[in-house]
Protein backbone atom coordinates (compact mmCIF):
# COMPACT_ATOMS: atom_id res chain seq x y z
CA MET A 1 137.10 -75.75 8.16
CA THR A 2 137.77 -72.13 7.01
CA ASN A 3 138.37 -69.35 9.76
CA ILE A 4 134.91 -68.09 9.49
CA LEU A 5 136.22 -64.60 11.64
CA GLN A 6 139.09 -64.53 9.68
CA ILE A 7 137.19 -64.10 6.10
CA LEU A 8 135.41 -61.25 8.16
CA LYS A 9 138.39 -59.71 9.54
CA ASN A 10 139.24 -59.49 5.48
CA LYS A 11 136.72 -57.73 4.89
CA ILE A 12 137.14 -54.72 7.52
CA THR A 13 139.21 -52.21 6.03
CA ARG A 14 140.68 -49.16 8.51
CA ILE A 15 137.79 -48.05 10.63
CA ALA A 16 138.32 -44.16 11.51
CA PHE A 17 135.78 -42.69 13.50
CA VAL A 18 134.30 -39.10 12.62
CA GLY A 19 136.87 -36.51 12.87
CA LEU A 20 140.24 -38.87 12.58
CA SER A 21 140.86 -38.54 9.50
CA GLY A 22 138.64 -35.90 6.84
CA VAL A 23 140.45 -37.14 4.42
CA VAL A 24 138.18 -36.80 1.38
CA ALA A 25 139.38 -39.69 -1.79
CA PHE A 26 140.52 -37.88 -4.40
CA GLY A 27 142.63 -38.09 -7.72
CA LEU A 28 144.93 -36.51 -10.07
CA LEU A 29 145.52 -39.71 -12.37
CA PRO A 30 142.18 -39.12 -14.70
CA ASP A 31 143.32 -35.82 -15.56
CA ILE A 32 146.52 -36.42 -16.32
CA ALA A 33 146.81 -39.32 -17.93
CA ALA A 34 144.73 -38.35 -20.55
CA ALA A 35 147.21 -36.05 -22.03
CA ASN A 36 149.19 -39.17 -23.24
CA ASN A 37 145.99 -39.27 -25.58
CA ASP A 38 147.56 -36.94 -28.16
CA THR A 39 150.72 -36.84 -27.97
CA LYS A 40 151.92 -38.94 -30.83
CA GLU A 41 149.79 -36.84 -33.01
CA ASP A 42 150.79 -33.49 -31.65
CA ILE A 43 154.52 -33.83 -31.69
CA SER A 44 156.13 -33.28 -35.13
CA ARG A 45 158.52 -35.94 -36.50
CA SER A 46 160.67 -32.82 -37.28
CA GLN A 47 160.40 -31.85 -32.88
CA GLN A 48 161.55 -35.35 -31.55
CA GLU A 49 163.98 -33.43 -29.15
CA PRO A 50 161.82 -33.36 -25.55
CA PHE A 51 160.14 -36.63 -26.32
CA GLY A 52 161.74 -38.40 -23.95
CA GLU A 53 161.30 -35.21 -21.33
CA TYR A 54 158.38 -35.01 -21.85
CA LEU A 55 157.50 -38.78 -21.46
CA ALA A 56 158.97 -39.07 -18.16
CA GLY A 57 157.10 -35.63 -17.31
CA LEU A 58 153.78 -37.34 -17.90
CA HIS A 59 155.03 -40.29 -16.66
CA ALA A 60 155.87 -38.78 -13.17
CA ALA A 61 152.40 -37.10 -13.36
CA PHE A 62 150.90 -40.14 -13.79
CA ASN A 63 152.21 -41.50 -10.50
CA ASN A 64 151.15 -38.56 -8.89
CA ASP A 65 154.77 -36.89 -8.91
CA LEU A 66 153.97 -33.31 -9.59
CA HIS A 67 157.31 -32.53 -8.38
CA ALA A 68 159.32 -34.46 -11.02
CA ALA A 69 156.34 -33.68 -13.67
CA ALA A 70 157.36 -29.86 -13.27
CA ASP A 71 161.06 -30.45 -13.80
CA TYR A 72 160.84 -32.85 -16.62
CA HIS A 73 158.50 -30.13 -18.48
CA GLU A 74 160.98 -27.54 -17.67
CA LYS A 75 163.38 -29.28 -19.67
CA ALA A 76 161.15 -30.54 -22.00
CA LEU A 77 160.33 -26.54 -22.64
CA ALA A 78 164.25 -25.80 -22.95
CA LEU A 79 164.88 -28.34 -25.55
CA ASP A 80 161.38 -27.18 -27.49
CA PRO A 81 160.26 -24.15 -25.69
CA GLU A 82 157.71 -23.18 -28.94
CA ASN A 83 156.14 -26.77 -28.78
CA LEU A 84 152.43 -25.69 -28.04
CA MET A 85 151.38 -29.12 -26.41
CA ILE A 86 154.59 -28.96 -23.89
CA LEU A 87 153.94 -25.22 -23.74
CA LYS A 88 150.28 -25.49 -22.23
CA LYS A 89 151.14 -28.32 -19.96
CA SER A 90 153.84 -27.56 -19.05
CA PHE A 91 151.88 -24.29 -17.76
CA ALA A 92 149.66 -26.20 -15.66
CA PHE A 93 152.36 -28.99 -14.03
CA PHE A 94 154.48 -25.66 -13.10
CA ILE A 95 151.24 -23.93 -11.12
CA ALA A 96 150.37 -27.42 -9.96
CA ASP A 97 153.90 -27.38 -8.64
CA GLY A 98 153.90 -23.78 -7.31
CA ARG A 99 156.58 -22.97 -9.41
CA TYR A 100 155.09 -19.30 -10.33
CA ASP A 101 158.08 -17.86 -11.50
CA LEU A 102 158.40 -20.54 -14.44
CA ALA A 103 154.81 -20.52 -14.59
CA LEU A 104 154.97 -16.73 -15.71
CA ARG A 105 157.60 -17.00 -18.01
CA ALA A 106 155.11 -19.77 -19.77
CA ALA A 107 152.39 -17.74 -19.90
CA HIS A 108 153.99 -14.83 -21.54
CA LYS A 109 154.97 -17.45 -23.94
CA HIS A 110 152.00 -18.26 -24.89
CA THR A 111 150.83 -14.59 -25.00
CA ASP A 112 153.62 -13.86 -27.30
CA LEU A 113 152.98 -16.75 -29.57
CA HIS A 114 149.28 -15.61 -29.68
CA ILE A 115 147.92 -18.19 -27.88
CA THR A 116 144.49 -17.74 -26.23
CA ASP A 117 143.70 -20.22 -23.20
CA SER A 118 141.95 -18.70 -20.34
CA MET A 119 143.47 -20.61 -17.49
CA VAL A 120 146.40 -18.77 -18.62
CA GLN A 121 144.63 -15.79 -18.96
CA MET A 122 143.63 -15.89 -15.89
CA PHE A 123 147.20 -16.10 -14.10
CA LEU A 124 147.81 -13.13 -16.24
CA PHE A 125 145.08 -11.25 -14.75
CA LEU A 126 146.27 -12.10 -11.36
CA GLU A 127 149.99 -10.72 -12.20
CA GLN A 128 148.36 -7.49 -12.88
CA VAL A 129 146.57 -7.64 -9.66
CA GLU A 130 149.98 -8.03 -7.96
CA LEU A 131 151.45 -5.37 -9.42
CA LYS A 132 149.07 -3.34 -8.67
CA ASN A 133 148.40 -2.42 -13.16
CA TYR A 134 144.65 -2.54 -12.09
CA ASP A 135 143.82 -0.82 -15.51
CA ALA A 136 145.60 -3.78 -17.25
CA ALA A 137 144.16 -6.02 -15.10
CA LEU A 138 140.61 -5.07 -16.49
CA LEU A 139 141.75 -5.42 -19.70
CA GLY A 140 143.32 -8.89 -19.26
CA LEU A 141 139.75 -9.79 -18.42
CA ASP A 142 138.38 -8.99 -21.66
CA ASN A 143 140.50 -12.55 -22.56
CA LEU A 144 138.90 -14.45 -20.61
CA GLY A 145 136.47 -16.50 -21.81
CA ASP A 146 132.70 -16.66 -20.99
CA ALA A 147 131.74 -20.58 -21.36
CA GLY A 148 131.26 -22.48 -17.37
CA VAL A 149 133.17 -21.20 -14.57
CA TYR A 150 135.30 -18.58 -16.65
CA GLY A 151 131.67 -16.82 -16.72
CA LEU A 152 131.11 -16.98 -13.33
CA PHE A 153 134.37 -15.82 -12.10
CA LYS A 154 134.49 -12.72 -14.60
CA PRO A 155 132.05 -10.90 -12.92
CA LEU A 156 133.43 -10.95 -9.37
CA PHE A 157 137.39 -10.17 -10.66
CA ARG A 158 135.76 -6.83 -12.34
CA ALA A 159 133.46 -6.58 -9.05
CA TRP A 160 136.29 -6.61 -7.10
CA ILE A 161 139.37 -4.63 -9.27
CA LEU A 162 136.72 -2.05 -9.56
CA VAL A 163 136.16 -1.91 -5.81
CA LYS A 164 140.38 -1.41 -5.31
CA GLU A 165 139.82 1.43 -7.83
CA GLY A 166 137.51 3.05 -5.65
CA LYS A 167 134.58 2.38 -8.40
CA ASN A 168 131.84 1.22 -5.51
CA ALA A 169 128.92 2.01 -7.84
CA GLU A 170 130.00 0.64 -10.61
CA ALA A 171 130.95 -2.75 -8.56
CA GLU A 172 127.63 -2.94 -7.29
CA LYS A 173 125.68 -3.29 -10.17
CA ILE A 174 127.30 -6.14 -11.66
CA VAL A 175 126.99 -7.90 -8.43
CA THR A 176 123.37 -7.09 -8.32
CA LYS A 177 122.81 -8.25 -11.67
CA LEU A 178 125.21 -11.28 -10.74
CA LEU A 179 122.88 -12.39 -7.48
CA GLU A 180 119.83 -12.24 -10.06
CA ASP A 181 120.50 -15.25 -11.96
CA LYS A 182 119.99 -18.43 -9.67
CA ASN A 183 122.40 -20.55 -11.22
CA PHE A 184 125.35 -21.57 -8.83
CA LYS A 185 123.15 -19.83 -6.83
CA ASP A 186 125.29 -20.73 -3.05
CA PHE A 187 128.50 -19.67 -4.55
CA LYS A 188 127.58 -16.20 -5.84
CA GLN A 189 125.22 -15.70 -2.37
CA PHE A 190 128.51 -16.41 -0.39
CA HIS A 191 130.28 -14.34 -2.63
CA GLY A 192 127.26 -11.79 -2.63
CA GLY A 193 127.83 -11.98 1.29
CA LEU A 194 131.57 -10.93 1.74
CA PHE A 195 130.91 -8.09 -1.40
CA TYR A 196 128.56 -6.12 1.23
CA ASP A 197 130.00 -6.72 4.59
CA TYR A 198 133.46 -5.51 2.90
CA LEU A 199 132.12 -2.68 1.51
CA GLY A 200 130.22 -2.33 5.38
CA LYS A 201 126.45 -2.88 4.20
CA THR A 202 126.44 -5.25 6.68
CA GLU A 203 122.56 -4.88 6.53
CA LEU A 204 122.01 -6.39 3.21
CA ALA A 205 125.60 -8.98 3.48
CA GLU A 206 123.46 -10.43 6.94
CA LYS A 207 120.41 -10.85 4.25
CA ILE A 208 122.39 -12.90 1.37
CA TYR A 209 124.03 -14.93 4.39
CA SER A 210 120.85 -16.11 5.83
CA GLU A 211 119.00 -16.62 2.06
CA ALA A 212 122.63 -18.35 1.45
CA LEU A 213 122.22 -21.16 4.31
CA ILE A 214 119.13 -22.43 2.83
CA VAL A 215 120.30 -23.66 -0.22
CA SER A 216 122.50 -27.05 0.37
CA GLY A 217 125.48 -26.88 -1.10
CA ALA A 218 129.50 -26.83 -0.88
CA MET A 219 128.84 -23.24 0.49
CA SER A 220 127.47 -23.69 3.74
CA LEU A 221 129.61 -23.95 6.33
CA ARG A 222 132.21 -21.91 4.94
CA THR A 223 129.02 -19.29 4.76
CA ILE A 224 128.71 -20.32 8.17
CA GLU A 225 132.05 -19.01 9.57
CA ALA A 226 131.73 -15.39 7.16
CA TYR A 227 128.05 -14.86 9.01
CA GLY A 228 129.39 -16.05 12.64
CA ILE A 229 131.89 -13.54 12.40
CA LEU A 230 129.66 -10.69 10.50
CA LEU A 231 127.40 -10.87 14.04
CA ARG A 232 130.35 -11.16 16.16
CA ARG A 233 131.27 -7.88 14.63
CA LEU A 234 128.29 -6.49 15.45
CA GLY A 235 127.88 -7.55 19.04
CA ARG A 236 125.25 -10.16 18.36
CA VAL A 237 127.61 -12.67 20.38
CA ASP A 238 124.34 -15.14 21.30
CA ASP A 239 123.35 -15.29 17.59
CA ALA A 240 126.31 -16.23 16.27
CA ARG A 241 127.03 -18.29 19.57
CA GLN A 242 123.69 -20.38 17.97
CA LEU A 243 124.79 -20.39 14.47
CA TYR A 244 127.62 -22.33 15.72
CA LEU A 245 126.36 -24.89 17.69
CA ASN A 246 123.43 -25.32 15.37
CA TYR A 247 125.68 -26.50 12.57
CA LEU A 248 128.31 -28.66 15.06
CA GLU A 249 125.28 -30.77 15.39
CA ALA A 250 125.73 -31.99 12.02
CA ALA A 251 129.64 -30.75 11.82
CA PRO A 252 130.88 -32.09 15.41
CA ASP A 253 134.57 -32.11 13.92
CA ASN A 254 134.77 -29.29 11.82
CA SER A 255 138.14 -27.54 13.13
CA GLY A 256 136.75 -23.86 11.75
CA LEU A 257 133.39 -23.92 13.73
CA GLN A 258 135.34 -25.22 17.06
CA ASN A 259 137.95 -22.19 16.45
CA ALA A 260 135.26 -19.79 15.88
CA LEU A 261 133.33 -21.10 18.87
CA ALA A 262 135.84 -20.93 20.87
CA GLU A 263 137.24 -17.97 20.21
CA LEU A 264 133.70 -16.08 21.22
CA ASP A 265 133.70 -18.13 24.51
CA LYS A 266 137.20 -16.66 25.65
CA GLY A 267 135.48 -12.80 24.44
CA ILE A 268 137.90 -12.44 21.20
CA ALA A 269 136.88 -10.26 18.68
CA ALA A 270 136.22 -10.95 15.46
CA LYS A 271 138.51 -10.39 12.59
CA THR A 272 137.27 -9.28 9.40
CA PHE A 273 136.81 -12.39 6.99
CA ILE A 274 138.59 -10.54 4.62
CA ASN A 275 141.20 -7.84 4.83
CA SER A 276 141.64 -6.34 1.04
CA GLU A 277 140.69 -7.39 -2.83
CA GLU A 278 143.23 -9.83 -3.05
CA ASP A 279 141.66 -11.86 -0.06
CA ALA A 280 138.30 -12.01 -1.67
CA LEU A 281 139.68 -13.37 -5.22
CA ALA A 282 141.89 -16.25 -3.02
CA GLU A 283 138.54 -16.79 -1.72
CA ILE A 284 136.94 -17.06 -5.12
CA PHE A 285 139.56 -19.60 -6.22
CA TYR A 286 139.30 -21.63 -3.01
CA THR A 287 135.70 -21.80 -2.88
CA ALA A 288 135.91 -23.05 -6.46
CA ALA A 289 138.48 -25.65 -5.74
CA MET A 290 135.78 -27.23 -3.11
CA PHE A 291 133.21 -27.37 -5.66
CA LEU A 292 135.19 -29.20 -7.62
CA MET A 293 136.08 -31.33 -6.10
CA GLN A 294 132.54 -32.60 -5.47
CA ASP A 295 133.24 -34.16 -9.18
CA ASN A 296 136.40 -35.42 -8.98
CA ILE A 297 138.02 -32.81 -11.34
CA HIS A 298 141.43 -32.76 -9.30
CA MET A 299 144.13 -30.57 -11.64
CA SER A 300 141.35 -27.85 -12.00
CA ALA A 301 141.46 -27.66 -8.21
CA VAL A 302 145.07 -27.92 -7.28
CA ILE A 303 145.77 -25.11 -10.07
CA TYR A 304 142.58 -22.68 -8.14
CA LEU A 305 143.97 -23.31 -4.53
CA ARG A 306 147.27 -22.25 -6.20
CA TYR A 307 145.79 -19.03 -7.77
CA ALA A 308 144.61 -18.63 -4.57
CA LYS A 309 147.61 -18.86 -3.22
CA TYR A 310 149.61 -16.52 -5.07
CA LEU A 311 147.59 -13.66 -4.13
CA LYS A 312 147.64 -14.50 -0.38
CA LYS A 313 150.56 -15.85 1.15
CA ASP A 314 149.14 -16.96 4.70
CA PHE A 315 145.63 -18.73 2.95
CA TYR A 316 146.53 -22.06 5.31
CA ILE A 317 142.71 -23.37 4.28
CA SER A 318 144.37 -23.88 0.72
CA ASP A 319 147.60 -25.67 2.08
CA TYR A 320 145.40 -27.70 4.22
CA LEU A 321 143.25 -28.72 1.30
CA LEU A 322 146.19 -29.41 -1.62
CA GLY A 323 147.89 -31.58 1.52
CA GLN A 324 144.45 -33.58 1.60
CA ILE A 325 144.95 -33.72 -2.05
CA PHE A 326 148.54 -34.78 -2.43
CA GLU A 327 147.53 -37.25 0.40
CA THR A 328 144.90 -38.73 -1.00
CA ASN A 329 146.68 -39.33 -4.56
CA LYS A 330 150.03 -40.84 -2.48
CA TYR A 331 151.86 -37.99 -3.75
CA TYR A 332 152.98 -37.84 -0.18
CA GLU A 333 155.89 -35.36 -0.66
CA GLY A 334 153.52 -32.73 -1.53
CA ALA A 335 150.94 -33.55 1.03
CA VAL A 336 153.89 -33.41 3.95
CA GLU A 337 155.33 -29.86 2.29
CA ASN A 338 151.78 -28.00 2.51
CA TYR A 339 150.25 -30.27 5.87
CA SER A 340 154.20 -28.48 7.11
CA LEU A 341 153.35 -24.56 6.05
CA ILE A 342 150.16 -24.29 8.76
CA PRO A 343 151.86 -22.96 11.79
CA ASN A 344 151.19 -23.88 15.56
CA SER A 345 148.93 -20.88 15.92
CA HIS A 346 146.49 -21.72 12.91
CA TYR A 347 143.44 -23.45 14.16
CA LEU A 348 144.91 -25.97 11.31
CA TYR A 349 147.69 -26.69 12.79
CA PHE A 350 146.94 -30.09 14.84
CA ASP A 351 144.53 -31.93 12.10
CA ALA A 352 147.77 -30.79 9.62
CA GLN A 353 150.14 -32.43 12.43
CA LEU A 354 147.49 -35.23 12.42
CA GLN A 355 147.80 -36.06 8.87
CA LEU A 356 151.88 -35.64 8.76
CA VAL A 357 151.44 -38.90 11.58
CA TRP A 358 149.45 -40.88 8.91
CA ILE A 359 151.59 -40.36 6.20
CA LEU A 360 154.05 -41.71 8.00
CA GLU A 361 152.46 -44.98 8.73
CA LYS A 362 151.84 -45.32 5.30
CA THR A 363 154.90 -44.81 4.77
CA ASP A 364 155.99 -47.53 6.71
CA LYS A 365 157.06 -45.40 9.24
CA VAL A 366 155.50 -46.57 12.16
CA ASP A 367 158.13 -45.86 14.51
CA GLU A 368 158.20 -42.23 13.77
CA ALA A 369 154.31 -41.90 13.64
CA LEU A 370 154.50 -43.08 16.93
CA ASP A 371 156.93 -40.79 18.15
CA LYS A 372 154.84 -38.02 16.81
CA LEU A 373 151.58 -38.62 18.15
CA THR A 374 153.77 -39.24 21.16
CA LYS A 375 155.08 -35.51 20.73
CA LEU A 376 151.85 -34.04 19.85
CA SER A 377 149.89 -35.70 23.58
CA ASP A 378 152.25 -33.41 24.90
CA GLN A 379 151.29 -30.53 23.04
CA PHE A 380 147.48 -30.54 22.70
CA PRO A 381 147.24 -33.42 26.06
CA HIS A 382 143.15 -32.88 26.08
CA LYS A 383 142.79 -33.72 22.29
CA LYS A 384 141.34 -37.61 22.67
CA GLU A 385 141.73 -37.93 18.54
CA ILE A 386 145.05 -38.76 19.74
CA LEU A 387 144.17 -41.86 21.28
CA GLY A 388 142.32 -43.01 18.42
CA THR A 389 144.63 -42.65 16.12
CA LEU A 390 147.16 -44.33 18.65
CA GLY A 391 144.53 -47.26 18.80
CA ASP A 392 144.21 -47.40 15.03
CA ILE A 393 147.90 -47.81 14.24
CA TYR A 394 148.35 -50.28 17.14
CA ARG A 395 145.20 -52.15 15.63
CA ILE A 396 146.50 -52.24 11.72
CA HIS A 397 149.73 -53.51 12.82
CA GLY A 398 148.01 -56.52 15.16
CA ARG A 399 149.48 -54.99 18.07
CA PHE A 400 145.84 -55.59 19.84
CA GLY A 401 146.63 -55.02 23.16
CA GLU A 402 148.26 -51.18 22.59
CA ALA A 403 145.12 -50.80 20.59
CA ALA A 404 142.22 -52.11 23.12
CA SER A 405 144.73 -49.81 25.71
CA ALA A 406 144.52 -46.64 23.63
CA TYR A 407 140.77 -47.59 22.73
CA THR A 408 139.92 -47.63 26.49
CA LYS A 409 141.70 -44.04 27.35
CA TYR A 410 139.81 -42.46 24.59
CA ILE A 411 136.73 -44.36 25.70
CA GLU A 412 137.30 -43.15 29.21
CA SER A 413 137.82 -39.51 27.95
CA ILE A 414 134.20 -39.23 26.26
CA GLY A 415 132.29 -39.00 29.65
CA GLU A 416 129.01 -40.04 28.87
CA PRO A 417 128.85 -42.21 25.44
CA GLN A 418 126.12 -40.94 22.56
CA GLU A 419 125.34 -42.57 20.07
CA LYS A 420 128.31 -40.83 17.20
CA HIS A 421 130.86 -43.12 19.78
CA TRP A 422 128.99 -46.03 18.49
CA SER A 423 132.22 -46.75 16.45
CA ILE A 424 134.82 -46.59 19.03
CA PHE A 425 133.00 -49.38 20.73
CA TYR A 426 132.61 -51.20 17.85
CA THR A 427 136.63 -51.42 17.01
CA ARG A 428 137.64 -51.77 20.43
CA GLY A 429 135.15 -55.09 20.28
CA ILE A 430 136.75 -56.68 16.80
CA VAL A 431 140.05 -55.75 18.68
CA TYR A 432 139.19 -57.51 22.19
CA GLU A 433 138.40 -60.45 19.34
CA GLN A 434 141.14 -60.31 17.88
CA ASP A 435 143.05 -60.67 20.85
CA ASN A 436 141.12 -63.81 21.85
CA LYS A 437 139.16 -62.10 24.75
CA TRP A 438 135.64 -62.74 23.56
CA ALA A 439 133.88 -61.30 26.36
CA SER A 440 135.21 -58.28 26.69
CA ALA A 441 134.45 -58.46 22.69
CA GLU A 442 131.19 -59.30 22.78
CA ALA A 443 130.25 -56.44 25.75
CA ASP A 444 131.57 -53.84 23.00
CA LEU A 445 129.49 -55.29 20.10
CA LYS A 446 126.64 -54.96 22.60
CA LYS A 447 127.15 -51.78 23.84
CA SER A 448 127.88 -50.43 19.85
CA LEU A 449 124.22 -51.17 19.26
CA GLU A 450 122.75 -49.95 22.20
CA LEU A 451 124.22 -46.55 20.96
CA ASN A 452 123.19 -47.27 17.57
CA PRO A 453 120.46 -50.41 17.45
CA ASP A 454 120.81 -50.08 13.56
CA GLN A 455 124.59 -49.82 11.98
CA PRO A 456 124.60 -53.04 9.64
CA GLN A 457 128.32 -52.98 10.35
CA VAL A 458 128.20 -53.99 13.85
CA MET A 459 125.32 -56.15 13.40
CA ASN A 460 126.96 -58.21 10.72
CA TYR A 461 129.63 -58.80 13.05
CA LEU A 462 128.42 -59.37 16.20
CA ALA A 463 126.37 -61.97 14.55
CA TYR A 464 128.64 -63.86 12.90
CA SER A 465 130.76 -64.16 15.67
CA TRP A 466 127.35 -66.33 17.24
CA VAL A 467 127.29 -68.33 14.60
CA ASP A 468 131.01 -69.07 14.13
CA LYS A 469 130.19 -69.82 17.64
CA GLY A 470 127.58 -71.77 17.78
CA ILE A 471 125.98 -69.61 20.22
CA ASN A 472 122.15 -67.67 19.80
CA ILE A 473 121.56 -69.07 16.68
CA GLU A 474 118.00 -67.78 15.65
CA LYS A 475 119.03 -64.24 17.24
CA ALA A 476 122.19 -63.92 14.62
CA ARG A 477 119.80 -64.78 11.94
CA LYS A 478 117.59 -62.67 12.54
CA MET A 479 119.85 -59.88 13.47
CA LEU A 480 121.97 -60.35 9.93
CA GLU A 481 118.69 -60.42 8.08
CA ARG A 482 117.83 -56.81 9.44
CA ALA A 483 121.44 -56.13 8.32
CA VAL A 484 120.61 -57.10 5.03
CA ALA A 485 116.99 -54.84 5.08
CA LEU A 486 119.22 -51.95 6.11
CA ARG A 487 121.60 -52.96 3.42
CA PRO A 488 120.36 -54.82 0.45
CA TYR A 489 122.49 -54.48 -1.91
CA ASP A 490 125.65 -54.64 0.44
CA GLY A 491 127.30 -58.41 -1.02
CA TYR A 492 129.37 -58.72 2.19
CA ILE A 493 126.66 -58.54 4.31
CA ILE A 494 124.44 -61.16 2.01
CA ASP A 495 127.47 -63.33 2.61
CA SER A 496 127.55 -62.77 6.02
CA LEU A 497 123.46 -64.25 6.09
CA GLY A 498 124.20 -66.77 3.79
CA TRP A 499 127.34 -68.17 5.67
CA ALA A 500 125.15 -67.91 8.48
CA LEU A 501 122.65 -70.27 6.94
CA TYR A 502 125.03 -72.54 5.84
CA ARG A 503 126.02 -72.93 9.26
CA ILE A 504 122.79 -73.53 10.14
CA GLY A 505 121.71 -75.78 7.46
CA ASP A 506 119.51 -73.80 5.93
CA MET A 507 121.20 -74.54 2.28
CA PRO A 508 118.89 -73.91 -0.36
CA GLN A 509 118.61 -70.12 1.93
CA ALA A 510 122.35 -70.24 1.68
CA VAL A 511 122.57 -70.69 -2.13
CA GLU A 512 120.02 -68.08 -2.52
CA TYR A 513 121.75 -65.36 -0.81
CA LEU A 514 125.61 -66.20 -1.48
CA GLU A 515 124.90 -66.17 -5.42
CA LYS A 516 123.16 -62.75 -4.51
CA ALA A 517 126.58 -62.07 -3.10
CA VAL A 518 128.82 -63.81 -5.44
CA LEU A 519 126.64 -61.00 -8.20
CA LEU A 520 127.07 -57.78 -5.94
CA GLN A 521 130.99 -58.35 -4.97
CA THR A 522 132.15 -60.65 -8.23
CA ASP A 523 136.24 -60.04 -6.79
CA ASP A 524 136.23 -61.08 -3.11
CA TRP A 525 138.03 -64.23 -3.01
CA ALA A 526 135.92 -65.42 0.39
CA ILE A 527 132.48 -64.90 -0.62
CA ASN A 528 133.36 -66.84 -4.05
CA ASP A 529 134.00 -69.57 -1.86
CA HIS A 530 131.58 -69.77 0.12
CA LEU A 531 129.17 -69.93 -2.95
CA GLY A 532 131.33 -73.33 -3.71
CA ASP A 533 131.29 -74.66 -0.06
CA ALA A 534 127.50 -73.98 -0.33
CA TYR A 535 127.15 -75.51 -4.25
CA TRP A 536 129.31 -78.70 -2.82
CA ALA A 537 126.41 -79.28 0.37
CA VAL A 538 123.65 -79.06 -2.50
CA GLY A 539 125.15 -81.74 -4.94
CA ARG A 540 126.54 -79.12 -7.41
CA LYS A 541 130.08 -80.16 -7.47
CA ASN A 542 131.20 -78.82 -10.52
CA GLU A 543 129.98 -75.67 -9.64
CA ALA A 544 131.79 -75.88 -5.97
CA ARG A 545 134.65 -76.15 -7.97
CA PHE A 546 134.10 -73.61 -10.61
CA GLN A 547 133.96 -71.14 -7.75
CA TRP A 548 136.86 -72.53 -5.51
CA ARG A 549 138.97 -71.79 -8.53
CA HIS A 550 137.53 -68.83 -8.92
CA ALA A 551 138.56 -67.62 -5.40
CA LEU A 552 141.96 -69.39 -5.52
CA SER A 553 142.44 -66.90 -8.60
CA LEU A 554 141.56 -63.73 -6.43
CA LYS A 555 144.51 -64.69 -3.87
CA PRO A 556 143.32 -65.08 -1.01
CA ASP A 557 145.02 -65.45 2.49
CA VAL A 558 148.41 -67.46 1.72
CA ASP A 559 147.35 -70.03 4.61
CA LEU A 560 144.12 -70.60 3.31
CA ILE A 561 146.06 -71.49 -0.08
CA ALA A 562 146.53 -75.43 0.50
CA GLU A 563 142.62 -75.32 2.17
CA ILE A 564 140.93 -73.86 -1.10
CA LYS A 565 143.05 -76.49 -3.63
CA THR A 566 142.06 -79.00 -1.26
CA LYS A 567 138.57 -78.81 -1.72
CA ILE A 568 139.07 -78.73 -5.62
CA LYS A 569 141.17 -81.55 -5.60
CA ASP A 570 139.04 -83.88 -2.95
CA GLY A 571 136.07 -82.01 -2.02
CA LYS A 572 134.24 -80.52 0.58
CA ASN A 573 133.90 -83.30 3.47
């Protein structure tokens, strides 16, 4: 008989409670891999010299190594400097890797060859801003297209350059007209608020910020930061505190809001949100990148973040977001480089250091990760997230006793548990169960449900454990039925109910639920194996052997392969 709990454990991926990771799932592959589509068509037979370097660059990019991709494209471009396709791809990789000097050369080559590309023209505009050639910068804006985001960016760019030239009235007309258009409303209101705040029109800025917070969108937390700073500068400390507290309820682990509230409580004077027109331009790129991330448009997001850093060298939130993108895409060299740029005086320093710990763990440097956590604990003795991360690393590597000890210290540090702490009890419960300490495991799983009574994952694990041990059978069945009602399209939970029914002996219903589970989760060997067992129990022996063979093809755990092969040969006793 297959160990049911072992199968269930295999379904559980890394569990990280709120705030310990914060890494959003991103990918560069869809953006970069598409570059392969036109390779053979766009390179003529008379220009084959750079082909090897170019393909090597694409291969590096496909594997999320932007540094190598930029290296290869630099070589390819040197071999064929007027190849339009290589030039375009090289510019993108140079910017993505932060090689602004090479990107500028490629951008000017576009101009020499009379190539119109809005992304390139935007960088040439930024070059003129950096050189303080503001008239030239305004002229350069005419070369930007009006489609998509460019039609959104151009008015803001123009307004801020006009402010730089002291033409505030002209700039205000542009922003007023921009705000009348309701498209991208939250983006425009946020930047409109920054604009009027910077000009000293605080009453209008406050009105715009307030209206922006009504709109549900990506800008809300950034708007809260800006609005809170404005309130503090106006001496409305209580209003600012309430603003922070209201939104910390929804995002309790947001480092920016936590830092703002801590500064307020310490009486630290609020700094202005932006200090120059260049800062405002950088903010446009940063917030645009945040929007793009929602739609998984990652290469453009990386480029915009690099543009932001070109204008504002100490824009550490951009470094952090770049680190997140690169880490998620397993470009660890780039992630380490960007996380390491954040100084220990910045509120994101701790978060960045914690992500560096996870990169060490992901790259099989577990001892180094644990050493780094120890040092981080010395720096931040009150950060309980360190204990959670320590427990997670021990758990992932099968060191259950040490994991339980770390989780226990975490639990002791939180005082009276609240609903949001359900996951730490759930996680420690799993660790206890894996360490054959069922009484402690059951107590933690029950505590987790006490904190969050309708949590399907916890109900699934606890009820499954009861069935496996032959206790609380009817209670377990009802609990699994409740979990399925809450997650009717979760193949794993439906499988749990089906397998519980199998263990109870209700074979017709077991088959019904297991068939649903297989349809929802076709590539899971355990579910297919379960369905095979259920088919055998109701006499559908050919179908049972088919399911077992399919389970075997899905690479089950090594220690279960022999058992499945025996069932295929001899059936199930």
